[in-house]
Amino acid sequence: MPPSKGMLLCVGILLLTVGGLLLMCWGWSAVLFVVGLVVSLGGMGLLVSGLCMATKNLQVTMPGHYVLHPRTGTCFSPQQALAIQRRLDRIRREMSEDAVSRAPEPEAPLPSTPPPWTMEPPPSYDAVMKGQEHSEQL
């Protein structure tokens, strides 16, 4: 049977206090220093684990989307989270109705022959080079 969080907190505080007192009296002997250090570290571990167990169940679960759940770190009040959840549900319903009611429009088929060419052909290489030589001489 796992220890309760209240017992862990009490034993952790007690060991932390005893270890602190032993550390303060370490001038008498090095053994007291080592024992005090070990006892205080053990007390600190028990205290931290007790606090973790105590704070794990502080968050109240709220119905709705998992993103809006308080354990994710969002700071929405329950009323805000409920309003956001309703809005998300409404948007989701509208999108699903659009997908059902609107059939995809068929794409226009491509013409079998390309359209006729209406542009004039580009000038030849020689004509372009002669035009550049003529413009450089001016």
C-alpha atoms as a PDB file:
ATOM      1  CA  MET A   1       0.000   0.000   0.000  1.00  0.00           C
ATOM      2  CA  PRO A   2       1.565   3.334  -1.024  1.00  0.00           C
ATOM      3  CA  PRO A   3       1.998   5.958   1.680  1.00  0.00           C
ATOM      4  CA  SER A   4      -0.515   8.786   1.768  1.00  0.00           C
ATOM      5  CA  LYS A   5       0.501  12.248   0.664  1.00  0.00           C
ATOM      6  CA  GLY A   6      -0.129  13.694   4.154  1.00  0.00           C
ATOM      7  CA  MET A   7       2.189  11.152   5.742  1.00  0.00           C
ATOM      8  CA  LEU A   8       4.884  11.833   3.141  1.00  0.00           C
ATOM      9  CA  LEU A   9       4.649  15.571   3.814  1.00  0.00           C
ATOM     10  CA  CYS A  10       4.879  15.123   7.611  1.00  0.00           C
ATOM     11  CA  VAL A  11       7.788  12.665   7.481  1.00  0.00           C
ATOM     12  CA  GLY A  12       9.551  14.826   4.887  1.00  0.00           C
ATOM     13  CA  ILE A  13       9.274  17.945   7.055  1.00  0.00           C
ATOM     14  CA  LEU A  14      10.400  16.000  10.133  1.00  0.00           C
ATOM     15  CA  LEU A  15      13.456  14.518   8.386  1.00  0.00           C
ATOM     16  CA  LEU A  16      14.317  17.875   6.826  1.00  0.00           C
ATOM     17  CA  THR A  17      14.231  19.520  10.251  1.00  0.00           C
ATOM     18  CA  VAL A  18      16.292  16.785  11.927  1.00  0.00           C
ATOM     19  CA  GLY A  19      18.821  16.824   9.081  1.00  0.00           C
ATOM     20  CA  GLY A  20      19.072  20.617   9.284  1.00  0.00           C
ATOM     21  CA  LEU A  21      19.733  20.458  13.026  1.00  0.00           C
ATOM     22  CA  LEU A  22      22.429  17.818  12.501  1.00  0.00           C
ATOM     23  CA  LEU A  23      24.032  19.969   9.810  1.00  0.00           C
ATOM     24  CA  MET A  24      24.131  22.943  12.185  1.00  0.00           C
ATOM     25  CA  CYS A  25      25.931  20.840  14.785  1.00  0.00           C
ATOM     26  CA  TRP A  26      28.483  19.435  12.360  1.00  0.00           C
ATOM     27  CA  GLY A  27      31.357  21.157  14.198  1.00  0.00           C
ATOM     28  CA  TRP A  28      31.446  18.308  16.683  1.00  0.00           C
ATOM     29  CA  SER A  29      32.099  15.588  14.194  1.00  0.00           C
ATOM     30  CA  ALA A  30      32.255  14.876  10.484  1.00  0.00           C
ATOM     31  CA  VAL A  31      29.972  11.876  10.998  1.00  0.00           C
ATOM     32  CA  LEU A  32      27.163  14.185  12.168  1.00  0.00           C
ATOM     33  CA  PHE A  33      27.621  16.267   9.034  1.00  0.00           C
ATOM     34  CA  VAL A  34      27.314  13.230   6.739  1.00  0.00           C
ATOM     35  CA  VAL A  35      24.331  11.821   8.640  1.00  0.00           C
ATOM     36  CA  GLY A  36      22.641  15.241   8.679  1.00  0.00           C
ATOM     37  CA  LEU A  37      23.224  15.658   4.949  1.00  0.00           C
ATOM     38  CA  VAL A  38      21.779  12.233   4.140  1.00  0.00           C
ATOM     39  CA  VAL A  39      18.775  12.720   6.438  1.00  0.00           C
ATOM     40  CA  SER A  40      18.017  16.200   5.103  1.00  0.00           C
ATOM     41  CA  LEU A  41      18.294  15.053   1.465  1.00  0.00           C
ATOM     42  CA  GLY A  42      15.957  12.142   2.203  1.00  0.00           C
ATOM     43  CA  GLY A  43      13.523  14.507   3.898  1.00  0.00           C
ATOM     44  CA  MET A  44      13.696  16.850   0.907  1.00  0.00           C
ATOM     45  CA  GLY A  45      12.935  13.951  -1.438  1.00  0.00           C
ATOM     46  CA  LEU A  46       9.961  12.827   0.632  1.00  0.00           C
ATOM     47  CA  LEU A  47       8.687  16.398   0.878  1.00  0.00           C
ATOM     48  CA  VAL A  48       8.923  16.952  -2.874  1.00  0.00           C
ATOM     49  CA  SER A  49       7.222  13.639  -3.689  1.00  0.00           C
ATOM     50  CA  GLY A  50       4.451  14.413  -1.182  1.00  0.00           C
ATOM     51  CA  LEU A  51       3.936  17.847  -2.714  1.00  0.00           C
ATOM     52  CA  CYS A  52       3.831  16.343  -6.195  1.00  0.00           C
ATOM     53  CA  MET A  53       1.224  13.818  -5.109  1.00  0.00           C
ATOM     54  CA  ALA A  54      -0.809  16.548  -3.405  1.00  0.00           C
ATOM     55  CA  THR A  55      -0.803  18.913  -6.383  1.00  0.00           C
ATOM     56  CA  LYS A  56      -1.447  16.227  -8.995  1.00  0.00           C
ATOM     57  CA  ASN A  57      -5.164  16.065  -8.211  1.00  0.00           C
ATOM     58  CA  LEU A  58      -5.791  19.790  -7.718  1.00  0.00           C
ATOM     59  CA  GLN A  59      -6.936  20.385 -11.303  1.00  0.00           C
ATOM     60  CA  VAL A  60     -10.648  19.778 -11.788  1.00  0.00           C
ATOM     61  CA  THR A  61     -11.509  17.966 -14.967  1.00  0.00           C
ATOM     62  CA  MET A  62     -13.730  19.840 -17.364  1.00  0.00           C
ATOM     63  CA  PRO A  63     -15.795  18.305 -20.135  1.00  0.00           C
ATOM     64  CA  GLY A  64     -14.793  19.331 -23.609  1.00  0.00           C
ATOM     65  CA  HIS A  65     -11.904  19.260 -25.975  1.00  0.00           C
ATOM     66  CA  TYR A  66      -8.580  17.952 -24.687  1.00  0.00           C
ATOM     67  CA  VAL A  67      -6.755  21.117 -25.834  1.00  0.00           C
ATOM     68  CA  LEU A  68      -8.936  23.212 -23.528  1.00  0.00           C
ATOM     69  CA  HIS A  69      -8.348  20.948 -20.565  1.00  0.00           C
ATOM     70  CA  PRO A  70      -6.604  22.767 -17.700  1.00  0.00           C
ATOM     71  CA  ARG A  71      -3.803  20.191 -17.509  1.00  0.00           C
ATOM     72  CA  THR A  72      -2.427  21.408 -20.831  1.00  0.00           C
ATOM     73  CA  GLY A  73      -1.429  24.750 -19.333  1.00  0.00           C
ATOM     74  CA  THR A  74      -4.136  26.898 -20.908  1.00  0.00           C
ATOM     75  CA  CYS A  75      -5.479  29.680 -18.753  1.00  0.00           C
ATOM     76  CA  PHE A  76      -9.092  29.692 -19.962  1.00  0.00           C
ATOM     77  CA  SER A  77     -11.822  29.992 -17.386  1.00  0.00           C
ATOM     78  CA  PRO A  78     -14.453  27.227 -17.518  1.00  0.00           C
ATOM     79  CA  GLN A  79     -16.915  29.627 -19.189  1.00  0.00           C
ATOM     80  CA  GLN A  80     -14.377  30.613 -21.853  1.00  0.00           C
ATOM     81  CA  ALA A  81     -13.432  26.995 -22.480  1.00  0.00           C
ATOM     82  CA  LEU A  82     -17.099  26.050 -22.857  1.00  0.00           C
ATOM     83  CA  ALA A  83     -17.699  28.934 -25.302  1.00  0.00           C
ATOM     84  CA  ILE A  84     -14.633  27.965 -27.334  1.00  0.00           C
ATOM     85  CA  GLN A  85     -15.742  24.330 -27.337  1.00  0.00           C
ATOM     86  CA  ARG A  86     -19.210  25.266 -28.600  1.00  0.00           C
ATOM     87  CA  ARG A  87     -17.684  27.421 -31.343  1.00  0.00           C
ATOM     88  CA  LEU A  88     -15.353  24.609 -32.418  1.00  0.00           C
ATOM     89  CA  ASP A  89     -18.272  22.181 -32.496  1.00  0.00           C
ATOM     90  CA  ARG A  90     -20.358  24.582 -34.595  1.00  0.00           C
ATOM     91  CA  ILE A  91     -17.493  25.127 -37.056  1.00  0.00           C
ATOM     92  CA  ARG A  92     -16.933  21.368 -37.267  1.00  0.00           C
ATOM     93  CA  ARG A  93     -20.654  20.771 -37.973  1.00  0.00           C
ATOM     94  CA  GLU A  94     -20.723  23.485 -40.656  1.00  0.00           C
ATOM     95  CA  MET A  95     -17.655  22.037 -42.352  1.00  0.00           C
ATOM     96  CA  SER A  96     -19.105  18.528 -42.334  1.00  0.00           C
ATOM     97  CA  GLU A  97     -22.422  19.820 -43.771  1.00  0.00           C
ATOM     98  CA  ASP A  98     -20.521  21.627 -46.521  1.00  0.00           C
ATOM     99  CA  ALA A  99     -18.649  18.461 -47.372  1.00  0.00           C
ATOM    100  CA  VAL A 100     -21.867  16.450 -47.570  1.00  0.00           C
ATOM    101  CA  SER A 101     -24.075  18.979 -49.365  1.00  0.00           C
ATOM    102  CA  ARG A 102     -21.606  20.131 -52.005  1.00  0.00           C
ATOM    103  CA  ALA A 103     -20.479  17.584 -54.517  1.00  0.00           C
ATOM    104  CA  PRO A 104     -17.100  18.236 -56.084  1.00  0.00           C
ATOM    105  CA  GLU A 105     -17.443  20.045 -59.411  1.00  0.00           C
ATOM    106  CA  PRO A 106     -16.089  18.075 -62.359  1.00  0.00           C
ATOM    107  CA  GLU A 107     -13.057  19.597 -63.991  1.00  0.00           C
ATOM    108  CA  ALA A 108     -13.413  20.938 -67.511  1.00  0.00           C
ATOM    109  CA  PRO A 109     -11.922  18.521 -70.031  1.00  0.00           C
ATOM    110  CA  LEU A 110      -8.871  19.693 -71.929  1.00  0.00           C
ATOM    111  CA  PRO A 111      -9.402  20.529 -75.577  1.00  0.00           C
ATOM    112  CA  SER A 112      -8.273  17.878 -78.007  1.00  0.00           C
ATOM    113  CA  THR A 113      -6.203  20.334 -80.071  1.00  0.00           C
ATOM    114  CA  PRO A 114      -4.208  23.309 -78.810  1.00  0.00           C
ATOM    115  CA  PRO A 115      -5.462  26.779 -79.646  1.00  0.00           C
ATOM    116  CA  PRO A 116      -4.007  28.403 -82.759  1.00  0.00           C
ATOM    117  CA  TRP A 117      -0.772  30.359 -82.356  1.00  0.00           C
ATOM    118  CA  THR A 118      -1.518  34.091 -82.558  1.00  0.00           C
ATOM    119  CA  MET A 119       1.873  35.545 -81.738  1.00  0.00           C
ATOM    120  CA  GLU A 120       4.507  36.395 -84.300  1.00  0.00           C
ATOM    121  CA  PRO A 121       7.662  34.258 -84.249  1.00  0.00           C
ATOM    122  CA  PRO A 122      10.649  35.591 -82.303  1.00  0.00           C
ATOM    123  CA  PRO A 123      13.451  37.289 -84.259  1.00  0.00           C
ATOM    124  CA  SER A 124      16.362  35.175 -85.368  1.00  0.00           C
ATOM    125  CA  TYR A 125      19.675  35.099 -83.519  1.00  0.00           C
ATOM    126  CA  ASP A 126      21.448  36.988 -86.311  1.00  0.00           C
ATOM    127  CA  ALA A 127      18.867  39.775 -86.263  1.00  0.00           C
ATOM    128  CA  VAL A 128      19.229  40.193 -82.489  1.00  0.00           C
ATOM    129  CA  MET A 129      23.039  40.253 -82.674  1.00  0.00           C
ATOM    130  CA  LYS A 130      23.014  42.807 -85.515  1.00  0.00           C
ATOM    131  CA  GLY A 131      20.590  44.945 -83.519  1.00  0.00           C
ATOM    132  CA  GLN A 132      22.893  44.885 -80.483  1.00  0.00           C
ATOM    133  CA  GLU A 133      25.940  45.785 -82.605  1.00  0.00           C
ATOM    134  CA  HIS A 134      24.011  48.655 -84.141  1.00  0.00           C
ATOM    135  CA  SER A 135      22.935  49.971 -80.692  1.00  0.00           C
ATOM    136  CA  GLU A 136      26.525  49.767 -79.333  1.00  0.00           C
ATOM    137  CA  GLN A 137      27.870  51.887 -82.201  1.00  0.00           C
ATOM    138  CA  LEU A 138      25.487  54.737 -81.355  1.00  0.00           C
END
